[in-house]
C-alpha atoms as a PDB file:
ATOM      1  CA  MET A   1     -60.508   8.641 -54.647  1.00  0.00           C
ATOM      2  CA  ASP A   2     -60.908   8.413 -50.897  1.00  0.00           C
ATOM      3  CA  VAL A   3     -60.059   5.033 -49.440  1.00  0.00           C
ATOM      4  CA  LYS A   4     -61.574   3.991 -46.169  1.00  0.00           C
ATOM      5  CA  THR A   5     -59.588   1.506 -44.120  1.00  0.00           C
ATOM      6  CA  GLN A   6     -61.658  -1.126 -42.458  1.00  0.00           C
ATOM      7  CA  SER A   7     -60.877  -2.088 -38.889  1.00  0.00           C
ATOM      8  CA  ASP A   8     -59.808  -5.536 -37.852  1.00  0.00           C
ATOM      9  CA  ALA A   9     -63.056  -5.857 -36.010  1.00  0.00           C
ATOM     10  CA  GLU A  10     -64.954  -5.473 -39.256  1.00  0.00           C
ATOM     11  CA  PHE A  11     -63.136  -8.483 -40.645  1.00  0.00           C
ATOM     12  CA  GLY A  12     -63.745 -10.400 -37.488  1.00  0.00           C
ATOM     13  CA  ALA A  13     -60.044 -10.404 -36.453  1.00  0.00           C
ATOM     14  CA  PRO A  14     -59.404 -10.999 -32.749  1.00  0.00           C
ATOM     15  CA  HIS A  15     -58.342  -8.059 -30.554  1.00  0.00           C
ATOM     16  CA  ASN A  16     -54.629  -7.890 -29.568  1.00  0.00           C
ATOM     17  CA  THR A  17     -53.992  -8.667 -25.893  1.00  0.00           C
ATOM     18  CA  VAL A  18     -50.887  -8.292 -23.694  1.00  0.00           C
ATOM     19  CA  ASP A  19     -49.608 -11.295 -21.731  1.00  0.00           C
ATOM     20  CA  ASN A  20     -48.627  -9.494 -18.511  1.00  0.00           C
ATOM     21  CA  SER A  21     -47.518 -12.679 -16.816  1.00  0.00           C
ATOM     22  CA  ALA A  22     -44.970 -13.400 -19.555  1.00  0.00           C
ATOM     23  CA  HIS A  23     -43.704  -9.812 -19.407  1.00  0.00           C
ATOM     24  CA  ASP A  24     -43.270  -9.977 -15.635  1.00  0.00           C
ATOM     25  CA  HIS A  25     -41.455 -13.287 -15.948  1.00  0.00           C
ATOM     26  CA  ALA A  26     -39.018 -11.781 -18.471  1.00  0.00           C
ATOM     27  CA  ASN A  27     -38.363  -8.854 -16.121  1.00  0.00           C
ATOM     28  CA  ASP A  28     -37.732 -11.234 -13.238  1.00  0.00           C
ATOM     29  CA  GLN A  29     -35.243 -13.176 -15.352  1.00  0.00           C
ATOM     30  CA  SER A  30     -33.496  -9.953 -16.384  1.00  0.00           C
ATOM     31  CA  TRP A  31     -33.144  -8.764 -12.782  1.00  0.00           C
ATOM     32  CA  SER A  32     -31.979 -12.151 -11.556  1.00  0.00           C
ATOM     33  CA  SER A  33     -29.361 -12.292 -14.329  1.00  0.00           C
ATOM     34  CA  PHE A  34     -28.140  -8.822 -13.416  1.00  0.00           C
ATOM     35  CA  ALA A  35     -28.006  -9.702  -9.718  1.00  0.00           C
ATOM     36  CA  PHE A  36     -26.082 -12.890 -10.535  1.00  0.00           C
ATOM     37  CA  PHE A  37     -23.628 -10.864 -12.651  1.00  0.00           C
ATOM     38  CA  LEU A  38     -23.078  -8.417  -9.769  1.00  0.00           C
ATOM     39  CA  LEU A  39     -22.538 -11.305  -7.360  1.00  0.00           C
ATOM     40  CA  LYS A  40     -19.919 -12.838  -9.656  1.00  0.00           C
ATOM     41  CA  LEU A  41     -18.227  -9.452 -10.049  1.00  0.00           C
ATOM     42  CA  VAL A  42     -18.095  -8.900  -6.280  1.00  0.00           C
ATOM     43  CA  LEU A  43     -16.722 -12.397  -5.720  1.00  0.00           C
ATOM     44  CA  ALA A  44     -14.079 -11.889  -8.424  1.00  0.00           C
ATOM     45  CA  VAL A  45     -12.973  -8.595  -6.843  1.00  0.00           C
ATOM     46  CA  LEU A  46     -12.878 -10.150  -3.356  1.00  0.00           C
ATOM     47  CA  ILE A  47     -10.819 -13.100  -4.588  1.00  0.00           C
ATOM     48  CA  PHE A  48      -8.430 -10.804  -6.474  1.00  0.00           C
ATOM     49  CA  ARG A  49      -7.964  -8.484  -3.482  1.00  0.00           C
ATOM     50  CA  SER A  50      -7.612 -11.342  -1.025  1.00  0.00           C
ATOM     51  CA  PHE A  51      -5.233 -13.619  -2.907  1.00  0.00           C
ATOM     52  CA  VAL A  52      -3.598 -11.714  -5.788  1.00  0.00           C
ATOM     53  CA  PHE A  53      -3.132  -7.943  -5.403  1.00  0.00           C
ATOM     54  CA  SER A  54      -4.614  -5.370  -3.060  1.00  0.00           C
ATOM     55  CA  PRO A  55      -4.265  -1.554  -3.066  1.00  0.00           C
ATOM     56  CA  PHE A  56      -2.746   0.396  -0.177  1.00  0.00           C
ATOM     57  CA  SER A  57      -2.097   4.099   0.344  1.00  0.00           C
ATOM     58  CA  ILE A  58       0.913   5.796   1.942  1.00  0.00           C
ATOM     59  CA  PRO A  59      -0.238   8.371   4.532  1.00  0.00           C
ATOM     60  CA  SER A  60       3.128   9.589   5.885  1.00  0.00           C
ATOM     61  CA  GLU A  61       6.765  10.295   5.014  1.00  0.00           C
ATOM     62  CA  SER A  62       8.298   7.477   7.081  1.00  0.00           C
ATOM     63  CA  MET A  63       9.364   5.574   3.944  1.00  0.00           C
ATOM     64  CA  LEU A  64      11.011   8.405   2.016  1.00  0.00           C
ATOM     65  CA  PRO A  65      12.764   8.362  -0.385  1.00  0.00           C
ATOM     66  CA  ARG A  66      11.186   5.203  -1.868  1.00  0.00           C
ATOM     67  CA  LEU A  67       7.568   5.859  -0.897  1.00  0.00           C
ATOM     68  CA  TRP A  68       6.028   9.324  -0.714  1.00  0.00           C
ATOM     69  CA  ASN A  69       2.971  10.549   1.155  1.00  0.00           C
ATOM     70  CA  GLY A  70       0.178  10.320  -1.420  1.00  0.00           C
ATOM     71  CA  ASP A  71       1.468   7.186  -3.154  1.00  0.00           C
ATOM     72  CA  TYR A  72      -0.942   4.341  -3.881  1.00  0.00           C
ATOM     73  CA  LEU A  73       0.580   0.924  -4.377  1.00  0.00           C
ATOM     74  CA  LEU A  74      -0.401  -2.617  -5.149  1.00  0.00           C
ATOM     75  CA  ALA A  75       0.802  -5.321  -2.779  1.00  0.00           C
ATOM     76  CA  ALA A  76       1.223  -8.919  -3.906  1.00  0.00           C
ATOM     77  CA  LYS A  77      -0.749 -11.120  -1.522  1.00  0.00           C
ATOM     78  CA  TRP A  78       0.737 -14.560  -2.241  1.00  0.00           C
ATOM     79  CA  PRO A  79       4.493 -14.280  -1.367  1.00  0.00           C
ATOM     80  CA  TYR A  80       4.073 -14.785   2.391  1.00  0.00           C
ATOM     81  CA  GLY A  81       0.980 -16.984   2.458  1.00  0.00           C
ATOM     82  CA  PHE A  82      -2.571 -16.203   3.478  1.00  0.00           C
ATOM     83  CA  SER A  83      -4.300 -15.581   6.773  1.00  0.00           C
ATOM     84  CA  ASN A  84      -7.358 -13.767   8.122  1.00  0.00           C
ATOM     85  CA  TYR A  85      -5.434 -10.551   7.487  1.00  0.00           C
ATOM     86  CA  SER A  86      -5.473 -11.318   3.773  1.00  0.00           C
ATOM     87  CA  LEU A  87      -9.263 -11.021   3.728  1.00  0.00           C
ATOM     88  CA  PRO A  88     -11.424  -7.874   3.723  1.00  0.00           C
ATOM     89  CA  PHE A  89     -12.078  -6.700   7.295  1.00  0.00           C
ATOM     90  CA  SER A  90      -9.740  -9.504   8.465  1.00  0.00           C
ATOM     91  CA  ALA A  91     -12.649 -11.937   8.311  1.00  0.00           C
ATOM     92  CA  PRO A  92     -11.838 -14.942  10.576  1.00  0.00           C
ATOM     93  CA  LEU A  93     -12.113 -17.580   7.849  1.00  0.00           C
ATOM     94  CA  ILE A  94      -8.554 -18.870   7.458  1.00  0.00           C
ATOM     95  CA  PRO A  95      -7.012 -20.923  10.290  1.00  0.00           C
ATOM     96  CA  GLY A  96      -3.489 -19.633  10.987  1.00  0.00           C
ATOM     97  CA  ARG A  97      -1.326 -18.773   7.969  1.00  0.00           C
ATOM     98  CA  VAL A  98      -1.516 -21.178   5.048  1.00  0.00           C
ATOM     99  CA  LEU A  99       1.129 -21.557   2.313  1.00  0.00           C
ATOM    100  CA  ALA A 100       3.342 -19.487   4.596  1.00  0.00           C
ATOM    101  CA  GLY A 101       6.497 -17.951   3.163  1.00  0.00           C
ATOM    102  CA  GLU A 102       9.201 -15.983   4.953  1.00  0.00           C
ATOM    103  CA  PRO A 103      10.154 -12.520   3.685  1.00  0.00           C
ATOM    104  CA  GLU A 104      13.707 -11.756   2.620  1.00  0.00           C
ATOM    105  CA  GLN A 105      15.952  -9.072   4.021  1.00  0.00           C
ATOM    106  CA  GLY A 106      15.191  -5.838   2.190  1.00  0.00           C
ATOM    107  CA  ASP A 107      11.593  -6.662   1.297  1.00  0.00           C
ATOM    108  CA  LEU A 108       9.040  -3.866   1.557  1.00  0.00           C
ATOM    109  CA  VAL A 109       6.278  -5.546   3.532  1.00  0.00           C
ATOM    110  CA  ILE A 110       2.713  -4.631   4.420  1.00  0.00           C
ATOM    111  CA  PHE A 111       1.665  -5.926   7.839  1.00  0.00           C
ATOM    112  CA  LYS A 112      -0.868  -5.329  10.574  1.00  0.00           C
ATOM    113  CA  HIS A 113       0.278  -3.313  13.565  1.00  0.00           C
ATOM    114  CA  PRO A 114       0.667  -5.708  16.523  1.00  0.00           C
ATOM    115  CA  VAL A 115      -1.611  -3.592  18.732  1.00  0.00           C
ATOM    116  CA  ASP A 116      -4.159  -1.614  16.711  1.00  0.00           C
ATOM    117  CA  LYS A 117      -4.076  -3.844  13.583  1.00  0.00           C
ATOM    118  CA  GLN A 118      -3.728  -0.900  11.210  1.00  0.00           C
ATOM    119  CA  ASP A 119      -1.815  -1.463   7.953  1.00  0.00           C
ATOM    120  CA  TYR A 120       1.869  -0.494   8.090  1.00  0.00           C
ATOM    121  CA  VAL A 121       4.631  -0.649   5.483  1.00  0.00           C
ATOM    122  CA  LYS A 122       8.299  -1.036   6.445  1.00  0.00           C
ATOM    123  CA  ARG A 123      11.477  -2.675   5.184  1.00  0.00           C
ATOM    124  CA  VAL A 124      12.603  -6.039   6.591  1.00  0.00           C
ATOM    125  CA  ILE A 125      16.076  -5.818   8.142  1.00  0.00           C
ATOM    126  CA  GLY A 126      16.328  -8.822  10.467  1.00  0.00           C
ATOM    127  CA  LEU A 127      14.880 -12.334  10.352  1.00  0.00           C
ATOM    128  CA  PRO A 128      14.625 -15.048  13.040  1.00  0.00           C
ATOM    129  CA  GLY A 129      17.983 -15.691  14.685  1.00  0.00           C
ATOM    130  CA  ASP A 130      19.560 -12.444  13.448  1.00  0.00           C
ATOM    131  CA  THR A 131      21.017 -10.007  15.968  1.00  0.00           C
ATOM    132  CA  VAL A 132      20.176  -6.369  15.239  1.00  0.00           C
ATOM    133  CA  ALA A 133      21.531  -3.178  16.778  1.00  0.00           C
ATOM    134  CA  VAL A 134      21.792   0.468  15.747  1.00  0.00           C
ATOM    135  CA  VAL A 135      24.939   2.406  16.639  1.00  0.00           C
ATOM    136  CA  GLY A 136      25.333   6.045  15.651  1.00  0.00           C
ATOM    137  CA  GLY A 137      22.514   5.678  13.159  1.00  0.00           C
ATOM    138  CA  GLN A 138      24.065   2.675  11.395  1.00  0.00           C
ATOM    139  CA  ILE A 139      22.644  -0.842  11.465  1.00  0.00           C
ATOM    140  CA  VAL A 140      24.728  -3.595  12.977  1.00  0.00           C
ATOM    141  CA  LEU A 141      23.465  -6.938  11.678  1.00  0.00           C
ATOM    142  CA  ASN A 142      24.890 -10.121  13.165  1.00  0.00           C
ATOM    143  CA  GLY A 143      27.821  -8.171  14.539  1.00  0.00           C
ATOM    144  CA  GLU A 144      28.727  -6.462  11.255  1.00  0.00           C
ATOM    145  CA  LEU A 145      27.986  -2.903  10.144  1.00  0.00           C
ATOM    146  CA  VAL A 146      25.583  -2.845   7.199  1.00  0.00           C
ATOM    147  CA  ALA A 147      27.417  -1.218   4.289  1.00  0.00           C
ATOM    148  CA  ARG A 148      26.349   2.388   3.801  1.00  0.00           C
ATOM    149  CA  GLU A 149      27.609   5.175   1.542  1.00  0.00           C
ATOM    150  CA  GLN A 150      26.440   8.754   1.150  1.00  0.00           C
ATOM    151  CA  ILE A 151      25.099   9.601  -2.297  1.00  0.00           C
ATOM    152  CA  ALA A 152      23.534  12.673  -3.924  1.00  0.00           C
ATOM    153  CA  ASP A 153      21.033  14.560  -1.782  1.00  0.00           C
ATOM    154  CA  PHE A 154      17.367  13.710  -2.171  1.00  0.00           C
ATOM    155  CA  ASP A 155      15.027  16.495  -3.306  1.00  0.00           C
ATOM    156  CA  VAL A 156      11.281  16.197  -2.784  1.00  0.00           C
ATOM    157  CA  PRO A 157       8.809  18.913  -3.854  1.00  0.00           C
ATOM    158  CA  ILE A 158       6.977  20.528  -0.953  1.00  0.00           C
ATOM    159  CA  SER A 159       3.252  20.157  -1.528  1.00  0.00           C
ATOM    160  CA  ALA A 160      -0.096  19.866   0.221  1.00  0.00           C
ATOM    161  CA  ASN A 161       0.834  16.436   1.622  1.00  0.00           C
ATOM    162  CA  THR A 162       4.640  16.647   1.802  1.00  0.00           C
ATOM    163  CA  SER A 163       6.358  18.961   4.266  1.00  0.00           C
ATOM    164  CA  CYS A 164       9.995  19.647   5.096  1.00  0.00           C
ATOM    165  CA  ALA A 165      10.910  17.852   8.321  1.00  0.00           C
ATOM    166  CA  TRP A 166      13.747  18.756  10.647  1.00  0.00           C
ATOM    167  CA  GLY A 167      17.076  17.937   9.090  1.00  0.00           C
ATOM    168  CA  GLY A 168      15.906  19.035   5.649  1.00  0.00           C
ATOM    169  CA  ASP A 169      16.703  22.297   3.881  1.00  0.00           C
ATOM    170  CA  GLU A 170      14.037  24.254   1.997  1.00  0.00           C
ATOM    171  CA  VAL A 171      15.358  25.319  -1.398  1.00  0.00           C
ATOM    172  CA  THR A 172      13.606  27.638  -3.853  1.00  0.00           C
ATOM    173  CA  LEU A 173      14.305  26.549  -7.419  1.00  0.00           C
ATOM    174  CA  ASP A 174      15.259  29.034 -10.133  1.00  0.00           C
ATOM    175  CA  GLU A 175      12.397  27.765 -12.292  1.00  0.00           C
ATOM    176  CA  GLY A 176       9.962  28.159  -9.414  1.00  0.00           C
ATOM    177  CA  GLY A 177       8.684  25.836  -6.751  1.00  0.00           C
ATOM    178  CA  ILE A 178      10.113  24.831  -3.390  1.00  0.00           C
ATOM    179  CA  ILE A 179      11.801  21.541  -2.569  1.00  0.00           C
ATOM    180  CA  CYS A 180      13.081  19.948   0.611  1.00  0.00           C
ATOM    181  CA  ARG A 181      16.627  18.602   0.402  1.00  0.00           C
ATOM    182  CA  TYR A 182      17.743  15.699   2.600  1.00  0.00           C
ATOM    183  CA  ARG A 183      20.969  13.776   3.087  1.00  0.00           C
ATOM    184  CA  ARG A 184      20.673  10.426   1.302  1.00  0.00           C
ATOM    185  CA  PHE A 185      22.561   7.164   1.724  1.00  0.00           C
ATOM    186  CA  ARG A 186      22.646   3.810  -0.025  1.00  0.00           C
ATOM    187  CA  GLU A 187      22.583   0.731   2.193  1.00  0.00           C
ATOM    188  CA  THR A 188      23.495  -2.780   1.104  1.00  0.00           C
ATOM    189  CA  LEU A 189      22.339  -5.771   3.146  1.00  0.00           C
ATOM    190  CA  PRO A 190      24.398  -8.995   3.361  1.00  0.00           C
ATOM    191  CA  ASN A 191      22.120 -10.666   0.783  1.00  0.00           C
ATOM    192  CA  GLY A 192      23.005  -7.958  -1.769  1.00  0.00           C
ATOM    193  CA  THR A 193      19.748  -5.996  -1.566  1.00  0.00           C
ATOM    194  CA  THR A 194      20.402  -2.261  -1.944  1.00  0.00           C
ATOM    195  CA  TYR A 195      18.059   0.623  -1.215  1.00  0.00           C
ATOM    196  CA  GLU A 196      18.190   4.292  -0.304  1.00  0.00           C
ATOM    197  CA  VAL A 197      17.594   5.828   3.111  1.00  0.00           C
ATOM    198  CA  LEU A 198      17.441   9.318   4.586  1.00  0.00           C
ATOM    199  CA  ASP A 199      19.384  10.301   7.695  1.00  0.00           C
ATOM    200  CA  PHE A 200      18.913  13.800   9.086  1.00  0.00           C
ATOM    201  CA  GLY A 201      21.678  13.631  11.672  1.00  0.00           C
ATOM    202  CA  LEU A 202      22.164  12.528  15.253  1.00  0.00           C
ATOM    203  CA  LYS A 203      18.888  11.727  16.998  1.00  0.00           C
ATOM    204  CA  PRO A 204      19.494   9.538  20.082  1.00  0.00           C
ATOM    205  CA  SER A 205      15.934   8.176  20.181  1.00  0.00           C
ATOM    206  CA  HIS A 206      16.359   6.763  16.667  1.00  0.00           C
ATOM    207  CA  ASP A 207      20.109   6.307  16.237  1.00  0.00           C
ATOM    208  CA  THR A 208      20.752   3.994  19.176  1.00  0.00           C
ATOM    209  CA  PHE A 209      19.263   0.538  19.674  1.00  0.00           C
ATOM    210  CA  ALA A 210      20.742  -2.122  21.937  1.00  0.00           C
ATOM    211  CA  GLU A 211      21.434  -5.453  20.294  1.00  0.00           C
ATOM    212  CA  GLN A 212      18.518  -7.883  20.263  1.00  0.00           C
ATOM    213  CA  ILE A 213      17.921 -11.296  18.716  1.00  0.00           C
ATOM    214  CA  VAL A 214      14.956 -11.561  16.377  1.00  0.00           C
ATOM    215  CA  PRO A 215      12.657 -14.249  17.854  1.00  0.00           C
ATOM    216  CA  GLU A 216      11.444 -17.272  15.936  1.00  0.00           C
ATOM    217  CA  GLY A 217       8.576 -16.379  13.608  1.00  0.00           C
ATOM    218  CA  ALA A 218       9.216 -12.631  13.886  1.00  0.00           C
ATOM    219  CA  MET A 219      10.985  -9.912  11.886  1.00  0.00           C
ATOM    220  CA  PHE A 220      12.771  -6.638  12.596  1.00  0.00           C
ATOM    221  CA  VAL A 221      11.548  -3.826  10.351  1.00  0.00           C
ATOM    222  CA  MET A 222      12.641  -0.228   9.801  1.00  0.00           C
ATOM    223  CA  GLY A 223      11.438   2.782   7.853  1.00  0.00           C
ATOM    224  CA  ASP A 224      13.747   4.151   5.159  1.00  0.00           C
ATOM    225  CA  ASN A 225      13.312   7.662   6.590  1.00  0.00           C
ATOM    226  CA  ARG A 226      15.380   6.679   9.592  1.00  0.00           C
ATOM    227  CA  ASP A 227      14.809   9.704  11.844  1.00  0.00           C
ATOM    228  CA  TYR A 228      11.078   9.895  11.093  1.00  0.00           C
ATOM    229  CA  SER A 229       9.938   6.268  11.418  1.00  0.00           C
ATOM    230  CA  GLN A 230       8.493   4.524  14.470  1.00  0.00           C
ATOM    231  CA  ASP A 231       9.393   0.903  13.802  1.00  0.00           C
ATOM    232  CA  SER A 232      10.992  -2.136  15.472  1.00  0.00           C
ATOM    233  CA  ARG A 233      13.372   0.151  17.359  1.00  0.00           C
ATOM    234  CA  PHE A 234      10.393   1.153  19.496  1.00  0.00           C
ATOM    235  CA  LYS A 235       8.021  -0.727  21.763  1.00  0.00           C
ATOM    236  CA  ALA A 236       4.749  -1.749  20.127  1.00  0.00           C
ATOM    237  CA  LEU A 237       2.146   0.866  21.011  1.00  0.00           C
ATOM    238  CA  SER A 238      -1.047   1.800  19.217  1.00  0.00           C
ATOM    239  CA  GLY A 239      -0.265   4.353  16.523  1.00  0.00           C
ATOM    240  CA  ASP A 240       3.421   4.251  17.406  1.00  0.00           C
ATOM    241  CA  GLY A 241       6.279   1.733  17.368  1.00  0.00           C
ATOM    242  CA  VAL A 242       5.769  -1.863  16.255  1.00  0.00           C
ATOM    243  CA  GLY A 243       8.435  -3.811  18.142  1.00  0.00           C
ATOM    244  CA  MET A 244       9.443  -7.214  16.780  1.00  0.00           C
ATOM    245  CA  VAL A 245       6.667  -8.024  14.310  1.00  0.00           C
ATOM    246  CA  ASP A 246       5.151 -11.512  14.187  1.00  0.00           C
ATOM    247  CA  GLN A 247       5.262 -12.812  10.611  1.00  0.00           C
ATOM    248  CA  ASP A 248       1.687 -14.009  11.025  1.00  0.00           C
ATOM    249  CA  LEU A 249       0.735 -10.319  10.748  1.00  0.00           C
ATOM    250  CA  LEU A 250       2.073 -10.106   7.188  1.00  0.00           C
ATOM    251  CA  VAL A 251      -0.423  -8.968   4.549  1.00  0.00           C
ATOM    252  CA  GLY A 252       1.656  -8.710   1.385  1.00  0.00           C
ATOM    253  CA  ARG A 253       4.747  -7.406  -0.403  1.00  0.00           C
ATOM    254  CA  ALA A 254       4.742  -3.899  -1.907  1.00  0.00           C
ATOM    255  CA  THR A 255       5.119  -4.397  -5.649  1.00  0.00           C
ATOM    256  CA  ILE A 256       4.203  -1.441  -7.887  1.00  0.00           C
ATOM    257  CA  LEU A 257       3.055   2.174  -7.634  1.00  0.00           C
ATOM    258  CA  MET A 258      -0.291   2.552  -9.354  1.00  0.00           C
ATOM    259  CA  TRP A 259      -0.937   6.233  -8.531  1.00  0.00           C
ATOM    260  CA  SER A 260       0.626   9.188  -6.750  1.00  0.00           C
ATOM    261  CA  THR A 261      -0.769  12.613  -5.886  1.00  0.00           C
ATOM    262  CA  ASP A 262       0.695  15.696  -4.233  1.00  0.00           C
ATOM    263  CA  GLY A 263      -2.518  16.239  -2.266  1.00  0.00           C
ATOM    264  CA  SER A 264      -3.678  19.354  -4.119  1.00  0.00           C
ATOM    265  CA  ALA A 265      -6.605  17.710  -5.931  1.00  0.00           C
ATOM    266  CA  GLU A 266     -10.194  18.702  -5.106  1.00  0.00           C
ATOM    267  CA  TRP A 267     -13.144  16.429  -5.788  1.00  0.00           C
ATOM    268  CA  VAL A 268     -15.276  19.334  -7.038  1.00  0.00           C
ATOM    269  CA  LYS A 269     -12.578  20.295  -9.569  1.00  0.00           C
ATOM    270  CA  PRO A 270     -11.962  17.205 -11.744  1.00  0.00           C
ATOM    271  CA  TRP A 271      -9.102  18.827 -13.676  1.00  0.00           C
ATOM    272  CA  THR A 272      -7.061  18.966 -10.481  1.00  0.00           C
ATOM    273  CA  TRP A 273      -7.118  15.170 -10.351  1.00  0.00           C
ATOM    274  CA  PHE A 274      -4.638  15.300 -13.236  1.00  0.00           C
ATOM    275  CA  THR A 275      -2.598  18.368 -12.292  1.00  0.00           C
ATOM    276  CA  ALA A 276      -2.022  16.892  -8.823  1.00  0.00           C
ATOM    277  CA  ALA A 277      -0.739  13.580 -10.179  1.00  0.00           C
ATOM    278  CA  ARG A 278       2.948  12.754  -9.907  1.00  0.00           C
ATOM    279  CA  TRP A 279       3.060  11.110 -13.316  1.00  0.00           C
ATOM    280  CA  SER A 280       6.745  10.159 -13.173  1.00  0.00           C
ATOM    281  CA  ARG A 281       6.103   7.881 -10.185  1.00  0.00           C
ATOM    282  CA  ILE A 282       3.146   5.943 -11.577  1.00  0.00           C
ATOM    283  CA  GLY A 283       4.074   2.430 -12.703  1.00  0.00           C
ATOM    284  CA  ASN A 284       7.393   2.293 -10.822  1.00  0.00           C
ATOM    285  CA  MET A 285       8.285  -1.121  -9.465  1.00  0.00           C
ATOM    286  CA  LEU A 286       9.148  -1.347  -5.771  1.00  0.00           C
END
């Protein structure tokens, strides 16, 4: 038997209508909630980067053997206090340096270059009142030679972002690949901090520095790659030496390596993002 369905209209039921105003209001609420979520996310990221940890990249070999070109590290922002340089774009929102703390000898510090305000990373050697000199490539701190002993040579793979500087020897490995081999030393500061440095040999411009007293509120910093670093041994010039660095320029303390790449990755080839990674370095504490 055929069954004919009667329409709502035949029963006198009202026609369905759409409340456009209610729909628009719901959309407005959805967009405003999303915008509020994004705002909170941005604020959380800004707060984290300004006052907790912030990422930095290493663009040169001046801190070999500890830091390699292509390393990405996190710097702790709280150890030395906070200033405008703690904020994105150095926003002028913090008067002076609040909750200020002084670095210790041997700290790996991130600071703004005194002239061009670019981010630099170096190791703290001298603090206010210390006398610092360099004689024959060795540090003389407060009249005493900093303890130094030669240890096993340092081998670094030659790659797209890591070359072999003067003083290094290119060595082809039996299993393939080419490394650069440098003379390596272990230094020990008076406070007991030990670290490794590279020294290629006699280089008068880097191996001699007349004794100077570190001024109040400043610090004397050096790169671990002693014959490759432009640091407090050199007058502060844009893109060059840094001179005695004012502690108010401190940004943070290098803490952990979060990524490292040999520079061979290509954005259009995602698999190279992984083959270029130096996996053994990721997660190392500094």
